[in-house]
Amino acid sequence: PAYCKDDTPNACYNDIPKKDLKEIGQISDMLGEKALKILVKSAREKANPAVAGEYFSGTPVDISALTKMSKDDLG
């Protein structure tokens, strides 16, 4: 219904039928919920501390922005 073609070169969002917009909204909501579950699961897995022999950072970590709080190596 609402796509650009020779006889409707200026088709826009407002040309989409209300019924289709409602269905698109429902599908988008389901997709968003699924994506959020995937992101939350991934965040929870990364929140767990690394076990022996495992690490999360494969490269050196830049600590130059950290503020030194101790006076010597003993704290």
N, C-alpha and C. Protein backbone atom coordinates (compact mmCIF):
# COMPACT_ATOMS: atom_id res chain seq x y z
N PRO A 1 0.79 -1.20 0.00
CA PRO A 1 0.00 0.00 0.00
C PRO A 1 0.84 1.27 0.00
N ALA A 2 1.81 1.40 0.89
CA ALA A 2 2.54 2.66 1.00
C ALA A 2 4.01 2.44 0.66
N TYR A 3 4.29 2.35 -0.61
CA TYR A 3 5.68 2.29 -1.04
C TYR A 3 5.81 3.06 -2.34
N CYS A 4 7.01 3.56 -2.57
CA CYS A 4 7.23 4.39 -3.75
C CYS A 4 7.25 3.54 -5.01
N LYS A 5 6.49 3.96 -5.97
CA LYS A 5 6.47 3.33 -7.28
C LYS A 5 6.09 4.41 -8.28
N ASP A 6 6.00 4.06 -9.53
CA ASP A 6 5.75 5.08 -10.57
C ASP A 6 4.49 5.90 -10.33
N ASP A 7 3.40 5.24 -9.91
CA ASP A 7 2.16 5.99 -9.73
C ASP A 7 2.02 6.62 -8.35
N THR A 8 2.90 6.27 -7.39
CA THR A 8 2.89 6.90 -6.05
C THR A 8 4.33 7.22 -5.62
N PRO A 9 4.97 8.18 -6.29
CA PRO A 9 6.38 8.46 -5.99
C PRO A 9 6.60 9.16 -4.64
N ASN A 10 5.55 9.71 -4.06
CA ASN A 10 5.69 10.43 -2.79
C ASN A 10 5.03 9.70 -1.62
N ALA A 11 4.98 8.38 -1.68
CA ALA A 11 4.37 7.61 -0.59
C ALA A 11 5.13 7.86 0.70
N CYS A 12 4.40 7.90 1.82
CA CYS A 12 5.05 8.16 3.11
C CYS A 12 4.38 7.33 4.20
N TYR A 13 4.91 7.48 5.40
CA TYR A 13 4.43 6.74 6.56
C TYR A 13 2.92 6.90 6.76
N ASN A 14 2.42 8.09 6.56
CA ASN A 14 1.00 8.37 6.78
C ASN A 14 0.09 7.64 5.79
N ASP A 15 0.65 7.09 4.73
CA ASP A 15 -0.14 6.35 3.75
C ASP A 15 -0.35 4.89 4.16
N ILE A 16 0.33 4.44 5.21
CA ILE A 16 0.18 3.06 5.67
C ILE A 16 -1.17 2.92 6.37
N PRO A 17 -1.97 1.92 6.02
CA PRO A 17 -3.28 1.73 6.67
C PRO A 17 -3.13 1.51 8.18
N LYS A 18 -4.09 2.00 8.95
CA LYS A 18 -4.06 1.89 10.41
C LYS A 18 -3.94 0.44 10.87
N LYS A 19 -4.63 -0.47 10.18
CA LYS A 19 -4.58 -1.89 10.54
C LYS A 19 -3.14 -2.41 10.42
N ASP A 20 -2.45 -2.02 9.35
CA ASP A 20 -1.07 -2.46 9.16
C ASP A 20 -0.15 -1.85 10.21
N LEU A 21 -0.37 -0.58 10.56
CA LEU A 21 0.43 0.07 11.58
C LEU A 21 0.29 -0.63 12.93
N LYS A 22 -0.93 -1.04 13.24
CA LYS A 22 -1.17 -1.74 14.49
C LYS A 22 -0.41 -3.07 14.50
N GLU A 23 -0.48 -3.80 13.39
CA GLU A 23 0.21 -5.08 13.30
C GLU A 23 1.74 -4.89 13.37
N ILE A 24 2.22 -3.88 12.69
CA ILE A 24 3.65 -3.58 12.73
C ILE A 24 4.08 -3.25 14.16
N GLY A 25 3.24 -2.51 14.87
CA GLY A 25 3.53 -2.17 16.27
C GLY A 25 3.63 -3.40 17.14
N GLN A 26 2.71 -4.34 16.95
CA GLN A 26 2.73 -5.58 17.74
C GLN A 26 3.98 -6.40 17.43
N ILE A 27 4.32 -6.51 16.17
CA ILE A 27 5.51 -7.27 15.78
C ILE A 27 6.76 -6.60 16.34
N SER A 28 6.82 -5.28 16.26
CA SER A 28 7.97 -4.54 16.79
C SER A 28 8.09 -4.73 18.29
N ASP A 29 6.97 -4.72 19.00
CA ASP A 29 6.99 -4.94 20.45
C ASP A 29 7.54 -6.32 20.78
N MET A 30 7.09 -7.34 20.06
CA MET A 30 7.59 -8.71 20.30
C MET A 30 9.08 -8.79 20.02
N LEU A 31 9.52 -8.17 18.94
CA LEU A 31 10.93 -8.17 18.58
C LEU A 31 11.76 -7.46 19.65
N GLY A 32 11.26 -6.34 20.13
CA GLY A 32 11.96 -5.60 21.17
C GLY A 32 12.07 -6.39 22.46
N GLU A 33 11.00 -7.08 22.85
CA GLU A 33 11.03 -7.91 24.06
C GLU A 33 12.05 -9.03 23.93
N LYS A 34 12.09 -9.67 22.78
CA LYS A 34 13.04 -10.75 22.54
C LYS A 34 14.47 -10.20 22.59
N ALA A 35 14.71 -9.07 21.95
CA ALA A 35 16.05 -8.47 21.95
C ALA A 35 16.47 -8.09 23.37
N LEU A 36 15.55 -7.54 24.14
CA LEU A 36 15.86 -7.16 25.52
C LEU A 36 16.24 -8.39 26.34
N LYS A 37 15.52 -9.49 26.17
CA LYS A 37 15.84 -10.72 26.90
C LYS A 37 17.25 -11.20 26.55
N ILE A 38 17.61 -11.12 25.28
CA ILE A 38 18.95 -11.53 24.85
C ILE A 38 20.01 -10.63 25.50
N LEU A 39 19.78 -9.32 25.51
CA LEU A 39 20.73 -8.39 26.10
C LEU A 39 20.86 -8.59 27.61
N VAL A 40 19.75 -8.80 28.29
CA VAL A 40 19.77 -9.01 29.74
C VAL A 40 20.52 -10.30 30.06
N LYS A 41 20.25 -11.35 29.30
CA LYS A 41 20.94 -12.63 29.53
C LYS A 41 22.44 -12.45 29.36
N SER A 42 22.84 -11.75 28.30
CA SER A 42 24.26 -11.52 28.05
C SER A 42 24.88 -10.70 29.17
N ALA A 43 24.19 -9.67 29.63
CA ALA A 43 24.70 -8.82 30.71
C ALA A 43 24.85 -9.62 32.00
N ARG A 44 23.90 -10.49 32.29
CA ARG A 44 23.99 -11.31 33.50
C ARG A 44 25.17 -12.27 33.43
N GLU A 45 25.39 -12.84 32.26
CA GLU A 45 26.52 -13.75 32.10
C GLU A 45 27.84 -13.02 32.29
N LYS A 46 27.92 -11.80 31.76
CA LYS A 46 29.15 -11.02 31.89
C LYS A 46 29.32 -10.47 33.30
N ALA A 47 28.24 -10.35 34.05
CA ALA A 47 28.32 -9.81 35.41
C ALA A 47 28.94 -10.81 36.37
N ASN A 48 28.87 -12.10 36.04
CA ASN A 48 29.47 -13.11 36.90
C ASN A 48 30.98 -12.99 36.83
N PRO A 49 31.66 -13.16 37.96
CA PRO A 49 33.12 -13.05 37.92
C PRO A 49 33.72 -14.19 37.09
N ALA A 50 34.88 -13.94 36.56
CA ALA A 50 35.58 -14.95 35.77
C ALA A 50 36.06 -16.06 36.70
N VAL A 51 35.94 -17.28 36.23
CA VAL A 51 36.44 -18.41 37.00
C VAL A 51 37.92 -18.59 36.69
N ALA A 52 38.59 -19.44 37.44
CA ALA A 52 40.02 -19.66 37.26
C ALA A 52 40.34 -20.00 35.80
N GLY A 53 41.31 -19.30 35.23
CA GLY A 53 41.73 -19.55 33.86
C GLY A 53 40.90 -18.83 32.81
N GLU A 54 39.91 -18.06 33.24
CA GLU A 54 39.03 -17.35 32.32
C GLU A 54 39.21 -15.85 32.52
N TYR A 55 39.05 -15.06 31.48
CA TYR A 55 39.13 -13.61 31.60
C TYR A 55 38.18 -12.97 30.59
N PHE A 56 37.76 -11.75 30.87
CA PHE A 56 36.81 -11.05 30.01
C PHE A 56 37.49 -10.08 29.06
N SER A 57 38.68 -9.63 29.41
CA SER A 57 39.36 -8.68 28.56
C SER A 57 40.51 -9.38 27.85
N GLY A 58 40.48 -9.38 26.53
CA GLY A 58 41.52 -10.05 25.77
C GLY A 58 42.71 -9.14 25.49
N THR A 59 42.63 -7.89 25.92
CA THR A 59 43.70 -6.93 25.66
C THR A 59 44.01 -6.18 26.95
N PRO A 60 45.16 -5.52 27.01
CA PRO A 60 45.46 -4.72 28.20
C PRO A 60 44.39 -3.65 28.43
N VAL A 61 44.17 -3.33 29.68
CA VAL A 61 43.16 -2.35 30.05
C VAL A 61 43.84 -1.03 30.40
N ASP A 62 43.37 0.06 29.82
CA ASP A 62 43.93 1.38 30.08
C ASP A 62 43.45 1.87 31.44
N ILE A 63 44.36 2.04 32.38
CA ILE A 63 44.00 2.51 33.71
C ILE A 63 44.49 3.94 33.97
N SER A 64 44.91 4.63 32.93
CA SER A 64 45.47 5.97 33.09
C SER A 64 44.46 6.98 33.65
N ALA A 65 43.18 6.72 33.48
CA ALA A 65 42.17 7.66 33.98
C ALA A 65 41.84 7.43 35.45
N LEU A 66 42.35 6.35 36.04
CA LEU A 66 42.07 6.07 37.45
C LEU A 66 42.89 6.97 38.35
N THR A 67 42.32 7.31 39.50
CA THR A 67 43.01 8.16 40.46
C THR A 67 43.68 7.28 41.50
N LYS A 68 44.97 7.50 41.72
CA LYS A 68 45.71 6.73 42.72
C LYS A 68 45.30 7.22 44.11
N MET A 69 44.90 6.28 44.97
CA MET A 69 44.42 6.66 46.30
C MET A 69 45.42 6.28 47.39
N SER A 70 46.42 5.47 47.10
CA SER A 70 47.37 5.03 48.13
C SER A 70 48.66 5.86 48.05
N LYS A 71 49.41 5.82 49.16
CA LYS A 71 50.67 6.56 49.21
C LYS A 71 51.83 5.68 48.78
N ASP A 72 51.67 4.37 48.94
CA ASP A 72 52.71 3.43 48.53
C ASP A 72 52.06 2.11 48.14
N ASP A 73 52.86 1.12 47.84
CA ASP A 73 52.30 -0.17 47.39
C ASP A 73 51.59 -0.93 48.51
N LEU A 74 51.73 -0.50 49.74
CA LEU A 74 51.09 -1.17 50.87
C LEU A 74 49.72 -0.58 51.18
N GLY A 75 49.33 0.46 50.45
CA GLY A 75 48.01 1.03 50.64
C GLY A 75 48.04 2.28 51.43
